Amino acid sequence: ARGGVQPVVHVTANGDTRADVPVGQPVALTVIAETPDAGGTITKVEWDFDGSGAFAGSEPVDGTQRRLVATATHTYETPGTYFVTARVSAHRDGDVTTPFRQLSNVASARIVVA
């Protein structure tokens, strides 16, 4: 119905779009991603755990899936509000090695650490 080509991405922290946790408690992160019919297959899943724009974590993908669920765990040692973001890329031919024609989309969840 969208007619787009970017992956559709949803992120949760402890099962919701917002998690309130104490300092030092691990947070369970989940990304659900799916490509539309014209979007090819998923070629990359990257995590930015603190909202800094630095995607330091990644999930292994082989470029064959149109839909995937990936999980990660992260622990926050400093109180504050964090926006964990997953960036998912797709390629029409499923090429995980090329930097060209990768279409990306992002989604975030809020984590409040007290």
Protein backbone atom coordinates (compact mmCIF):
# COMPACT_ATOMS: atom_id res chain seq x y z
CA ALA A 1 0.00 0.00 0.00
CA ARG A 2 2.93 2.35 0.70
CA GLY A 3 4.55 1.90 -2.67
CA GLY A 4 7.94 2.71 -1.14
CA VAL A 5 11.23 0.86 -1.24
CA GLN A 6 12.78 1.57 2.18
CA PRO A 7 12.63 -1.08 4.90
CA VAL A 8 9.92 -0.66 7.54
CA VAL A 9 11.56 -0.70 10.99
CA HIS A 10 10.18 -1.02 14.54
CA VAL A 11 12.29 -0.94 17.74
CA THR A 12 11.32 -1.87 21.29
CA ALA A 13 13.14 -1.75 24.62
CA ASN A 14 11.96 -4.35 27.14
CA GLY A 15 8.98 -4.98 24.85
CA ASP A 16 7.75 -1.38 24.47
CA THR A 17 8.69 1.91 22.81
CA ARG A 18 9.76 3.25 26.23
CA ALA A 19 11.57 1.51 29.07
CA ASP A 20 12.25 2.87 32.56
CA VAL A 21 15.19 1.07 34.16
CA PRO A 22 17.61 1.54 37.05
CA VAL A 23 21.29 2.18 36.41
CA GLY A 24 23.13 -1.04 35.58
CA GLN A 25 20.08 -3.08 34.58
CA PRO A 26 20.35 -4.70 31.13
CA VAL A 27 17.77 -3.60 28.57
CA ALA A 28 16.45 -6.11 26.01
CA LEU A 29 16.28 -4.47 22.58
CA THR A 30 14.37 -5.83 19.59
CA VAL A 31 14.20 -4.64 16.01
CA ILE A 32 11.62 -5.94 13.57
CA ALA A 33 12.31 -5.01 9.96
CA GLU A 34 10.62 -5.82 6.68
CA THR A 35 11.16 -4.71 3.11
CA PRO A 36 8.28 -3.88 0.76
CA ASP A 37 7.90 -5.83 -2.50
CA ALA A 38 10.17 -3.45 -4.45
CA GLY A 39 12.70 -3.10 -1.62
CA GLY A 40 14.88 -6.15 -2.12
CA THR A 41 16.30 -7.87 0.97
CA ILE A 42 17.82 -6.72 4.24
CA THR A 43 21.58 -6.26 4.03
CA LYS A 44 22.52 -4.52 7.29
CA VAL A 45 21.21 -3.96 10.82
CA GLU A 46 23.10 -1.47 13.00
CA TRP A 47 22.54 -0.22 16.58
CA ASP A 48 23.13 3.24 18.06
CA PHE A 49 22.69 2.53 21.77
CA ASP A 50 22.90 6.10 23.10
CA GLY A 51 21.47 8.38 20.40
CA SER A 52 24.90 9.82 19.54
CA GLY A 53 24.67 8.94 15.86
CA ALA A 54 27.49 6.41 16.20
CA PHE A 55 26.18 3.03 15.10
CA ALA A 56 28.62 0.93 17.13
CA GLY A 57 26.75 -2.38 17.15
CA SER A 58 25.65 -4.55 14.24
CA GLU A 59 23.80 -7.79 13.58
CA PRO A 60 25.04 -10.37 11.06
CA VAL A 61 22.77 -10.69 8.01
CA ASP A 62 23.26 -12.65 4.80
CA GLY A 63 21.14 -10.56 2.40
CA THR A 64 18.48 -13.21 1.80
CA GLN A 65 15.69 -12.13 4.16
CA ARG A 66 12.87 -9.69 3.47
CA ARG A 67 11.78 -9.80 7.13
CA LEU A 68 13.85 -10.26 10.25
CA VAL A 69 13.77 -9.96 14.00
CA ALA A 70 17.05 -9.15 15.74
CA THR A 71 17.80 -8.67 19.42
CA ALA A 72 20.53 -7.04 21.47
CA THR A 73 21.12 -6.27 25.12
CA HIS A 74 22.65 -3.06 26.43
CA THR A 75 23.37 -1.78 29.94
CA TYR A 76 23.41 1.92 30.83
CA GLU A 77 25.76 2.94 33.65
CA THR A 78 24.80 6.65 33.78
CA PRO A 79 21.34 8.08 34.57
CA GLY A 80 19.65 9.90 31.72
CA THR A 81 17.33 9.54 28.76
CA TYR A 82 18.66 7.57 25.81
CA PHE A 83 17.19 6.98 22.38
CA VAL A 84 18.38 3.61 21.11
CA THR A 85 18.11 3.49 17.33
CA ALA A 86 18.28 0.69 14.80
CA ARG A 87 19.28 1.49 11.23
CA VAL A 88 18.25 -1.16 8.72
CA SER A 89 19.49 -1.19 5.13
CA ALA A 90 18.21 -3.10 2.13
CA HIS A 91 19.47 -3.68 -1.39
CA ARG A 92 17.44 -4.73 -4.42
CA ASP A 93 19.85 -7.60 -5.17
CA GLY A 94 20.66 -8.44 -1.53
CA ASP A 95 24.32 -7.45 -1.94
CA VAL A 96 25.71 -7.10 1.60
CA THR A 97 29.14 -5.91 0.40
CA THR A 98 28.35 -2.99 -1.87
CA PRO A 99 28.08 0.55 -0.47
CA PHE A 100 25.95 1.56 -3.47
CA ARG A 101 22.13 1.60 -3.70
CA GLN A 102 21.65 0.70 -0.05
CA LEU A 103 18.29 2.04 1.14
CA SER A 104 18.11 2.69 4.88
CA ASN A 105 15.49 3.53 7.45
CA VAL A 106 15.62 4.00 11.22
CA ALA A 107 13.42 3.57 14.28
CA SER A 108 14.04 4.37 17.96
CA ALA A 109 12.87 3.52 21.46
CA ARG A 110 13.27 5.72 24.54
CA ILE A 111 15.14 4.43 27.58
CA VAL A 112 14.97 6.40 30.84
CA VAL A 113 17.71 5.37 33.27
CA ALA A 114 17.38 6.50 36.89
